[in-house]
């Protein structure tokens, strides 16, 4: 994979690092391809039990599309009479978000700075967000005459409600980490110097946990977001049966009876 995104697996935890700090981790084509490939690799790897999505540098998590590259590609489209540039949503952003939200394992985002546009969308695609109190968020899209992508039309209103989501999308502005926490976007707010350690601790805890149960929780939350109560109850029955058949459930029950800490296998 390209060095615009770094990928490492250690003891069940895959760490994906967006690595363009000189460009505030903006997504050029190379970075989008590398991030897509890394997310899909983590999703497919049975040895990976949790994912930590993070970014290099101190200023930004990801400011979204690399507009300098984007302008050049738009000019090429105009000269050739094509519209290839906007295929990036289908070819890159959608697969990235599908991999993050759909993988049968938890994803933690460590947001160190500005998360804007698609960068905001990637953070929202994670299951849990640990955020430096100096970070900020901005939907950004309408500010460059674009609509929402990277899943934000689905994830943002489900976190903060449709009215607040419409406000942030129609009138893009920078919102502080504290405001994002109050809105329900942020799960855990920490000092910048504590971010790396705290996010790694959260991700490591999940990597050592009951992976089958976590996968079922992800699936049930996504399913319940747009199905009836009756349908959600049926899904809970299906998923609880699956989780109950896992080795980790037996391990957890035996450890509870023995008053010991369970050592999960992830299956």
C-alpha atoms as a PDB file:
ATOM      1  CA  UNK A   1       0.000   0.000   0.000  1.00  0.00           C
ATOM      2  CA  UNK A   2       1.144   3.551  -0.682  1.00  0.00           C
ATOM      3  CA  UNK A   3       2.784   5.485   2.150  1.00  0.00           C
ATOM      4  CA  UNK A   4      -0.043   8.029   2.018  1.00  0.00           C
ATOM      5  CA  UNK A   5      -1.772   5.547   4.321  1.00  0.00           C
ATOM      6  CA  UNK A   6       0.055   3.294   6.765  1.00  0.00           C
ATOM      7  CA  UNK A   7      -1.302  -0.117   7.760  1.00  0.00           C
ATOM      8  CA  UNK A   8      -0.115  -2.277  10.632  1.00  0.00           C
ATOM      9  CA  UNK A   9      -1.588  -5.291  12.431  1.00  0.00           C
ATOM     10  CA  UNK A  10      -0.458  -6.234  15.921  1.00  0.00           C
ATOM     11  CA  UNK A  11      -2.133  -8.691  18.316  1.00  0.00           C
ATOM     12  CA  UNK A  12      -5.520  -8.462  16.630  1.00  0.00           C
ATOM     13  CA  UNK A  13      -5.528  -4.675  16.242  1.00  0.00           C
ATOM     14  CA  UNK A  14      -5.196  -3.098  12.800  1.00  0.00           C
ATOM     15  CA  UNK A  15      -3.985   0.503  12.861  1.00  0.00           C
ATOM     16  CA  UNK A  16      -4.746   2.566   9.761  1.00  0.00           C
ATOM     17  CA  UNK A  17      -2.973   5.931   9.658  1.00  0.00           C
ATOM     18  CA  UNK A  18      -3.758   8.622   7.094  1.00  0.00           C
ATOM     19  CA  UNK A  19      -0.275   9.920   6.391  1.00  0.00           C
ATOM     20  CA  UNK A  20      -0.278  13.238   4.525  1.00  0.00           C
ATOM     21  CA  UNK A  21       0.320  15.660   7.415  1.00  0.00           C
ATOM     22  CA  UNK A  22       1.927  18.211   5.085  1.00  0.00           C
ATOM     23  CA  UNK A  23      -1.447  18.489   3.311  1.00  0.00           C
ATOM     24  CA  UNK A  24      -3.559  18.261   6.495  1.00  0.00           C
ATOM     25  CA  UNK A  25      -4.205  14.656   5.477  1.00  0.00           C
ATOM     26  CA  UNK A  26      -6.262  15.727   2.462  1.00  0.00           C
ATOM     27  CA  UNK A  27      -7.344  12.859   0.255  1.00  0.00           C
ATOM     28  CA  UNK A  28      -5.636  12.764  -3.126  1.00  0.00           C
ATOM     29  CA  UNK A  29      -6.277   9.818  -5.417  1.00  0.00           C
ATOM     30  CA  UNK A  30      -3.341   7.823  -4.035  1.00  0.00           C
ATOM     31  CA  UNK A  31      -4.533   8.291  -0.451  1.00  0.00           C
ATOM     32  CA  UNK A  32      -8.115   7.357  -1.310  1.00  0.00           C
ATOM     33  CA  UNK A  33      -7.009   4.149  -3.008  1.00  0.00           C
ATOM     34  CA  UNK A  34      -4.696   3.282  -0.116  1.00  0.00           C
ATOM     35  CA  UNK A  35      -7.325   3.996   2.535  1.00  0.00           C
ATOM     36  CA  UNK A  36      -9.896   1.934   0.646  1.00  0.00           C
ATOM     37  CA  UNK A  37      -7.459  -0.961   0.331  1.00  0.00           C
ATOM     38  CA  UNK A  38      -6.454  -0.766   4.005  1.00  0.00           C
ATOM     39  CA  UNK A  39     -10.043  -0.696   5.255  1.00  0.00           C
ATOM     40  CA  UNK A  40     -11.023  -3.604   3.021  1.00  0.00           C
ATOM     41  CA  UNK A  41      -7.928  -5.563   4.107  1.00  0.00           C
ATOM     42  CA  UNK A  42      -8.817  -5.062   7.779  1.00  0.00           C
ATOM     43  CA  UNK A  43     -12.408  -6.104   7.132  1.00  0.00           C
ATOM     44  CA  UNK A  44     -11.351  -9.303   5.374  1.00  0.00           C
ATOM     45  CA  UNK A  45      -8.570 -10.349   7.771  1.00  0.00           C
ATOM     46  CA  UNK A  46      -9.849 -12.871  10.296  1.00  0.00           C
ATOM     47  CA  UNK A  47      -6.898 -12.125  12.556  1.00  0.00           C
ATOM     48  CA  UNK A  48      -8.030  -8.502  12.946  1.00  0.00           C
ATOM     49  CA  UNK A  49     -10.476  -8.061  15.830  1.00  0.00           C
ATOM     50  CA  UNK A  50     -10.602  -4.245  15.987  1.00  0.00           C
ATOM     51  CA  UNK A  51      -9.431  -1.280  13.921  1.00  0.00           C
ATOM     52  CA  UNK A  52      -7.923   2.045  14.968  1.00  0.00           C
ATOM     53  CA  UNK A  53      -8.291   4.784  12.347  1.00  0.00           C
ATOM     54  CA  UNK A  54      -5.934   7.634  13.039  1.00  0.00           C
ATOM     55  CA  UNK A  55      -3.912  10.340  11.274  1.00  0.00           C
ATOM     56  CA  UNK A  56      -0.368  11.678  11.250  1.00  0.00           C
ATOM     57  CA  UNK A  57       0.529  15.130  12.511  1.00  0.00           C
ATOM     58  CA  UNK A  58      -1.187  17.451  14.949  1.00  0.00           C
ATOM     59  CA  UNK A  59      -3.248  19.810  12.790  1.00  0.00           C
ATOM     60  CA  UNK A  60      -5.727  17.571  11.055  1.00  0.00           C
ATOM     61  CA  UNK A  61      -7.400  14.191  11.097  1.00  0.00           C
ATOM     62  CA  UNK A  62      -8.451  14.659   7.468  1.00  0.00           C
ATOM     63  CA  UNK A  63      -9.749  17.749   5.666  1.00  0.00           C
ATOM     64  CA  UNK A  64     -11.455  15.705   2.963  1.00  0.00           C
ATOM     65  CA  UNK A  65     -10.828  16.027  -0.752  1.00  0.00           C
ATOM     66  CA  UNK A  66      -7.453  17.398  -1.867  1.00  0.00           C
ATOM     67  CA  UNK A  67      -8.862  20.428  -3.676  1.00  0.00           C
ATOM     68  CA  UNK A  68      -5.558  21.285  -5.365  1.00  0.00           C
ATOM     69  CA  UNK A  69      -5.537  17.945  -7.133  1.00  0.00           C
ATOM     70  CA  UNK A  70      -9.310  18.106  -7.601  1.00  0.00           C
ATOM     71  CA  UNK A  71      -9.176  21.369  -9.552  1.00  0.00           C
ATOM     72  CA  UNK A  72      -6.645  19.915 -11.973  1.00  0.00           C
ATOM     73  CA  UNK A  73      -8.761  16.819 -12.516  1.00  0.00           C
ATOM     74  CA  UNK A  74     -11.853  18.945 -13.146  1.00  0.00           C
ATOM     75  CA  UNK A  75      -9.960  20.903 -15.806  1.00  0.00           C
ATOM     76  CA  UNK A  76      -8.924  17.636 -17.454  1.00  0.00           C
ATOM     77  CA  UNK A  77     -12.572  16.584 -17.515  1.00  0.00           C
ATOM     78  CA  UNK A  78     -13.567  19.861 -19.139  1.00  0.00           C
ATOM     79  CA  UNK A  79     -10.908  19.498 -21.797  1.00  0.00           C
ATOM     80  CA  UNK A  80     -11.832  15.892 -22.561  1.00  0.00           C
ATOM     81  CA  UNK A  81     -15.594  16.301 -22.213  1.00  0.00           C
ATOM     82  CA  UNK A  82     -15.758  13.644 -19.465  1.00  0.00           C
ATOM     83  CA  UNK A  83     -16.917  13.593 -15.833  1.00  0.00           C
ATOM     84  CA  UNK A  84     -14.448  11.083 -14.442  1.00  0.00           C
ATOM     85  CA  UNK A  85     -13.417  13.163 -11.431  1.00  0.00           C
ATOM     86  CA  UNK A  86     -16.688  12.738  -9.560  1.00  0.00           C
ATOM     87  CA  UNK A  87     -16.463   8.958  -9.930  1.00  0.00           C
ATOM     88  CA  UNK A  88     -14.344   9.172  -6.783  1.00  0.00           C
ATOM     89  CA  UNK A  89     -17.490   8.872  -4.653  1.00  0.00           C
ATOM     90  CA  UNK A  90     -18.387   5.542  -6.254  1.00  0.00           C
ATOM     91  CA  UNK A  91     -14.810   4.279  -6.616  1.00  0.00           C
ATOM     92  CA  UNK A  92     -13.278   5.451  -3.331  1.00  0.00           C
ATOM     93  CA  UNK A  93     -15.460   7.082  -0.688  1.00  0.00           C
ATOM     94  CA  UNK A  94     -18.335   4.620  -0.827  1.00  0.00           C
ATOM     95  CA  UNK A  95     -16.100   1.519  -0.534  1.00  0.00           C
ATOM     96  CA  UNK A  96     -14.185   3.118   2.357  1.00  0.00           C
ATOM     97  CA  UNK A  97     -17.346   3.852   4.315  1.00  0.00           C
ATOM     98  CA  UNK A  98     -18.867   0.464   3.508  1.00  0.00           C
ATOM     99  CA  UNK A  99     -15.740  -1.269   4.783  1.00  0.00           C
ATOM    100  CA  UNK A 100     -15.613   0.757   8.010  1.00  0.00           C
ATOM    101  CA  UNK A 101     -19.302   0.476   8.837  1.00  0.00           C
ATOM    102  CA  UNK A 102     -19.835  -3.036   7.524  1.00  0.00           C
ATOM    103  CA  UNK A 103     -16.842  -4.919   8.905  1.00  0.00           C
ATOM    104  CA  UNK A 104     -17.705  -7.450  11.606  1.00  0.00           C
ATOM    105  CA  UNK A 105     -15.422  -5.812  14.136  1.00  0.00           C
ATOM    106  CA  UNK A 106     -15.372  -2.451  15.963  1.00  0.00           C
ATOM    107  CA  UNK A 107     -13.665   0.621  14.512  1.00  0.00           C
ATOM    108  CA  UNK A 108     -12.268   3.411  16.680  1.00  0.00           C
ATOM    109  CA  UNK A 109     -11.430   6.815  15.199  1.00  0.00           C
ATOM    110  CA  UNK A 110      -8.769   8.915  16.928  1.00  0.00           C
ATOM    111  CA  UNK A 111      -9.467  12.486  15.813  1.00  0.00           C
ATOM    112  CA  UNK A 112      -6.441  14.662  16.443  1.00  0.00           C
ATOM    113  CA  UNK A 113      -7.385  17.867  14.616  1.00  0.00           C
ATOM    114  CA  UNK A 114      -9.628  19.178  11.874  1.00  0.00           C
ATOM    115  CA  UNK A 115     -12.076  16.639  10.430  1.00  0.00           C
ATOM    116  CA  UNK A 116     -13.812  18.184   7.431  1.00  0.00           C
ATOM    117  CA  UNK A 117     -15.827  16.926   4.486  1.00  0.00           C
ATOM    118  CA  UNK A 118     -15.005  13.303   3.795  1.00  0.00           C
ATOM    119  CA  UNK A 119     -12.689  13.332   6.812  1.00  0.00           C
ATOM    120  CA  UNK A 120     -15.690  14.109   8.995  1.00  0.00           C
ATOM    121  CA  UNK A 121     -17.547  11.326   7.199  1.00  0.00           C
ATOM    122  CA  UNK A 122     -14.782   8.802   7.920  1.00  0.00           C
ATOM    123  CA  UNK A 123     -14.874   9.699  11.614  1.00  0.00           C
ATOM    124  CA  UNK A 124     -18.651   9.248  11.654  1.00  0.00           C
ATOM    125  CA  UNK A 125     -18.271   5.846   9.957  1.00  0.00           C
ATOM    126  CA  UNK A 126     -16.320   4.587  12.973  1.00  0.00           C
ATOM    127  CA  UNK A 127     -18.171   2.938  15.841  1.00  0.00           C
ATOM    128  CA  UNK A 128     -16.438   4.997  18.529  1.00  0.00           C
ATOM    129  CA  UNK A 129     -14.709   8.375  18.397  1.00  0.00           C
ATOM    130  CA  UNK A 130     -11.927   9.469  20.758  1.00  0.00           C
ATOM    131  CA  UNK A 131     -11.254  13.142  20.083  1.00  0.00           C
ATOM    132  CA  UNK A 132      -8.668  15.686  21.173  1.00  0.00           C
ATOM    133  CA  UNK A 133     -10.332  18.687  22.808  1.00  0.00           C
ATOM    134  CA  UNK A 134      -8.519  20.934  20.331  1.00  0.00           C
ATOM    135  CA  UNK A 135     -10.049  19.178  17.301  1.00  0.00           C
ATOM    136  CA  UNK A 136     -12.896  20.545  15.201  1.00  0.00           C
ATOM    137  CA  UNK A 137     -15.456  19.322  12.677  1.00  0.00           C
ATOM    138  CA  UNK A 138     -16.912  20.858   9.530  1.00  0.00           C
ATOM    139  CA  UNK A 139     -19.260  19.321   6.959  1.00  0.00           C
ATOM    140  CA  UNK A 140     -17.661  21.626   4.343  1.00  0.00           C
ATOM    141  CA  UNK A 141     -19.516  20.270   1.294  1.00  0.00           C
ATOM    142  CA  UNK A 142     -21.915  23.139   0.598  1.00  0.00           C
ATOM    143  CA  UNK A 143     -19.015  25.547   0.980  1.00  0.00           C
ATOM    144  CA  UNK A 144     -17.561  24.212  -2.273  1.00  0.00           C
ATOM    145  CA  UNK A 145     -20.958  23.731  -3.955  1.00  0.00           C
ATOM    146  CA  UNK A 146     -21.155  19.997  -3.318  1.00  0.00           C
ATOM    147  CA  UNK A 147     -23.561  17.705  -1.513  1.00  0.00           C
ATOM    148  CA  UNK A 148     -22.847  15.218   1.249  1.00  0.00           C
ATOM    149  CA  UNK A 149     -20.809  12.098   0.575  1.00  0.00           C
ATOM    150  CA  UNK A 150     -18.751   9.609   2.614  1.00  0.00           C
ATOM    151  CA  UNK A 151     -21.985   8.438   4.203  1.00  0.00           C
ATOM    152  CA  UNK A 152     -22.679  11.700   6.014  1.00  0.00           C
ATOM    153  CA  UNK A 153     -26.283  11.973   4.822  1.00  0.00           C
ATOM    154  CA  UNK A 154     -26.921   8.720   6.721  1.00  0.00           C
ATOM    155  CA  UNK A 155     -24.575   8.877   9.717  1.00  0.00           C
ATOM    156  CA  UNK A 156     -24.901  12.519  10.804  1.00  0.00           C
ATOM    157  CA  UNK A 157     -28.712  12.725  11.200  1.00  0.00           C
ATOM    158  CA  UNK A 158     -28.698   9.431  13.076  1.00  0.00           C
ATOM    159  CA  UNK A 159     -26.252  10.852  15.592  1.00  0.00           C
ATOM    160  CA  UNK A 160     -27.620  14.359  16.084  1.00  0.00           C
ATOM    161  CA  UNK A 161     -31.074  14.338  14.474  1.00  0.00           C
ATOM    162  CA  UNK A 162     -32.203  15.521  11.018  1.00  0.00           C
ATOM    163  CA  UNK A 163     -32.769  19.162  11.973  1.00  0.00           C
ATOM    164  CA  UNK A 164     -29.286  19.713  13.399  1.00  0.00           C
ATOM    165  CA  UNK A 165     -27.747  17.719  10.567  1.00  0.00           C
ATOM    166  CA  UNK A 166     -29.507  19.950   8.019  1.00  0.00           C
ATOM    167  CA  UNK A 167     -28.185  23.027   9.813  1.00  0.00           C
ATOM    168  CA  UNK A 168     -24.584  21.800   9.735  1.00  0.00           C
ATOM    169  CA  UNK A 169     -24.844  20.669   6.106  1.00  0.00           C
ATOM    170  CA  UNK A 170     -26.629  23.748   4.734  1.00  0.00           C
ATOM    171  CA  UNK A 171     -24.539  26.228   6.719  1.00  0.00           C
ATOM    172  CA  UNK A 172     -21.066  24.699   7.076  1.00  0.00           C
ATOM    173  CA  UNK A 173     -19.093  25.991  10.021  1.00  0.00           C
ATOM    174  CA  UNK A 174     -16.352  24.786  12.263  1.00  0.00           C
ATOM    175  CA  UNK A 175     -17.706  23.231  15.426  1.00  0.00           C
ATOM    176  CA  UNK A 176     -15.409  22.682  18.364  1.00  0.00           C
ATOM    177  CA  UNK A 177     -14.703  19.320  19.906  1.00  0.00           C
ATOM    178  CA  UNK A 178     -16.677  20.405  22.969  1.00  0.00           C
ATOM    179  CA  UNK A 179     -19.744  21.294  20.899  1.00  0.00           C
ATOM    180  CA  UNK A 180     -19.386  18.030  18.977  1.00  0.00           C
ATOM    181  CA  UNK A 181     -19.302  16.198  22.293  1.00  0.00           C
ATOM    182  CA  UNK A 182     -22.451  17.965  23.459  1.00  0.00           C
ATOM    183  CA  UNK A 183     -24.167  17.124  20.154  1.00  0.00           C
ATOM    184  CA  UNK A 184     -23.327  13.444  20.566  1.00  0.00           C
ATOM    185  CA  UNK A 185     -20.732  13.188  17.789  1.00  0.00           C
ATOM    186  CA  UNK A 186     -17.827  12.538  20.159  1.00  0.00           C
ATOM    187  CA  UNK A 187     -17.730   9.536  22.508  1.00  0.00           C
ATOM    188  CA  UNK A 188     -14.673  10.458  24.540  1.00  0.00           C
ATOM    189  CA  UNK A 189     -12.979  13.860  24.796  1.00  0.00           C
ATOM    190  CA  UNK A 190      -9.329  14.000  25.890  1.00  0.00           C
ATOM    191  CA  UNK A 191      -6.368  16.366  25.999  1.00  0.00           C
ATOM    192  CA  UNK A 192      -4.286  16.326  22.785  1.00  0.00           C
ATOM    193  CA  UNK A 193      -1.285  14.827  24.522  1.00  0.00           C
ATOM    194  CA  UNK A 194      -3.426  11.952  25.810  1.00  0.00           C
ATOM    195  CA  UNK A 195      -5.164  11.142  22.518  1.00  0.00           C
ATOM    196  CA  UNK A 196      -2.821   8.502  21.120  1.00  0.00           C
ATOM    197  CA  UNK A 197      -2.627   6.559  24.373  1.00  0.00           C
ATOM    198  CA  UNK A 198      -6.353   6.771  25.139  1.00  0.00           C
ATOM    199  CA  UNK A 199      -7.463   5.821  21.626  1.00  0.00           C
ATOM    200  CA  UNK A 200      -5.032   2.907  21.541  1.00  0.00           C
ATOM    201  CA  UNK A 201      -6.305   1.778  24.947  1.00  0.00           C
ATOM    202  CA  UNK A 202      -9.913   1.827  23.753  1.00  0.00           C
ATOM    203  CA  UNK A 203      -9.052   0.013  20.518  1.00  0.00           C
ATOM    204  CA  UNK A 204      -6.897  -2.552  22.324  1.00  0.00           C
ATOM    205  CA  UNK A 205      -9.697  -3.265  24.800  1.00  0.00           C
ATOM    206  CA  UNK A 206     -12.060  -3.934  21.901  1.00  0.00           C
ATOM    207  CA  UNK A 207      -9.471  -6.092  20.120  1.00  0.00           C
ATOM    208  CA  UNK A 208      -9.295  -8.282  23.223  1.00  0.00           C
ATOM    209  CA  UNK A 209     -13.058  -8.473  23.623  1.00  0.00           C
ATOM    210  CA  UNK A 210     -15.856 -10.753  22.363  1.00  0.00           C
ATOM    211  CA  UNK A 211     -15.572 -10.102  18.624  1.00  0.00           C
ATOM    212  CA  UNK A 212     -18.696 -12.039  17.622  1.00  0.00           C
ATOM    213  CA  UNK A 213     -20.793 -10.052  20.094  1.00  0.00           C
ATOM    214  CA  UNK A 214     -19.321  -6.756  18.867  1.00  0.00           C
ATOM    215  CA  UNK A 215     -20.110  -7.696  15.269  1.00  0.00           C
ATOM    216  CA  UNK A 216     -23.681  -8.499  16.276  1.00  0.00           C
ATOM    217  CA  UNK A 217     -24.000  -5.182  18.097  1.00  0.00           C
ATOM    218  CA  UNK A 218     -22.827  -3.289  15.007  1.00  0.00           C
ATOM    219  CA  UNK A 219     -25.283  -5.158  12.841  1.00  0.00           C
ATOM    220  CA  UNK A 220     -28.190  -4.685  15.230  1.00  0.00           C
ATOM    221  CA  UNK A 221     -27.606  -0.937  15.570  1.00  0.00           C
ATOM    222  CA  UNK A 222     -27.455  -0.470  11.806  1.00  0.00           C
ATOM    223  CA  UNK A 223     -30.529  -2.631  11.289  1.00  0.00           C
ATOM    224  CA  UNK A 224     -32.545  -0.951  14.011  1.00  0.00           C
ATOM    225  CA  UNK A 225     -31.898   2.496  12.517  1.00  0.00           C
ATOM    226  CA  UNK A 226     -34.313   1.941   9.648  1.00  0.00           C
ATOM    227  CA  UNK A 227     -36.549  -0.986  10.619  1.00  0.00           C
ATOM    228  CA  UNK A 228     -39.642  -1.328  12.777  1.00  0.00           C
ATOM    229  CA  UNK A 229     -39.575  -2.499  16.383  1.00  0.00           C
ATOM    230  CA  UNK A 230     -41.083  -5.836  15.347  1.00  0.00           C
ATOM    231  CA  UNK A 231     -38.365  -6.330  12.745  1.00  0.00           C
ATOM    232  CA  UNK A 232     -35.679  -5.236  15.209  1.00  0.00           C
ATOM    233  CA  UNK A 233     -36.893  -7.791  17.739  1.00  0.00           C
ATOM    234  CA  UNK A 234     -36.627 -10.539  15.128  1.00  0.00           C
ATOM    235  CA  UNK A 235     -33.108  -9.386  14.271  1.00  0.00           C
ATOM    236  CA  UNK A 236     -32.146  -9.362  17.948  1.00  0.00           C
ATOM    237  CA  UNK A 237     -33.324 -12.948  18.250  1.00  0.00           C
ATOM    238  CA  UNK A 238     -31.233 -13.963  15.237  1.00  0.00           C
ATOM    239  CA  UNK A 239     -28.123 -12.149  16.436  1.00  0.00           C
ATOM    240  CA  UNK A 240     -28.432 -13.271  20.057  1.00  0.00           C
ATOM    241  CA  UNK A 241     -28.606 -16.871  18.870  1.00  0.00           C
ATOM    242  CA  UNK A 242     -25.417 -16.287  16.898  1.00  0.00           C
ATOM    243  CA  UNK A 243     -23.621 -14.633  19.822  1.00  0.00           C
ATOM    244  CA  UNK A 244     -24.835 -17.312  22.233  1.00  0.00           C
ATOM    245  CA  UNK A 245     -23.269 -20.015  20.071  1.00  0.00           C
ATOM    246  CA  UNK A 246     -19.845 -18.354  20.154  1.00  0.00           C
ATOM    247  CA  UNK A 247     -16.933 -19.745  22.109  1.00  0.00           C
ATOM    248  CA  UNK A 248     -16.540 -16.356  23.771  1.00  0.00           C
ATOM    249  CA  UNK A 249     -20.012 -16.553  25.326  1.00  0.00           C
ATOM    250  CA  UNK A 250     -19.130 -19.844  26.996  1.00  0.00           C
ATOM    251  CA  UNK A 251     -15.809 -18.391  28.125  1.00  0.00           C
ATOM    252  CA  UNK A 252     -17.571 -15.316  29.562  1.00  0.00           C
ATOM    253  CA  UNK A 253     -20.127 -17.361  31.509  1.00  0.00           C
ATOM    254  CA  UNK A 254     -17.488 -19.722  32.885  1.00  0.00           C
ATOM    255  CA  UNK A 255     -15.294 -16.784  33.904  1.00  0.00           C
ATOM    256  CA  UNK A 256     -18.254 -15.092  35.604  1.00  0.00           C
ATOM    257  CA  UNK A 257     -19.013 -18.178  37.663  1.00  0.00           C
ATOM    258  CA  UNK A 258     -15.339 -18.581  38.553  1.00  0.00           C
ATOM    259  CA  UNK A 259     -15.062 -14.852  39.335  1.00  0.00           C
ATOM    260  CA  UNK A 260     -12.215 -14.511  36.855  1.00  0.00           C
ATOM    261  CA  UNK A 261     -11.550 -12.110  34.010  1.00  0.00           C
ATOM    262  CA  UNK A 262     -12.489 -13.759  30.692  1.00  0.00           C
ATOM    263  CA  UNK A 263      -9.820 -14.295  28.059  1.00  0.00           C
ATOM    264  CA  UNK A 264     -11.696 -14.060  24.802  1.00  0.00           C
ATOM    265  CA  UNK A 265     -10.689 -15.870  21.619  1.00  0.00           C
ATOM    266  CA  UNK A 266     -12.610 -13.657  19.238  1.00  0.00           C
ATOM    267  CA  UNK A 267     -14.798 -16.470  17.942  1.00  0.00           C
END
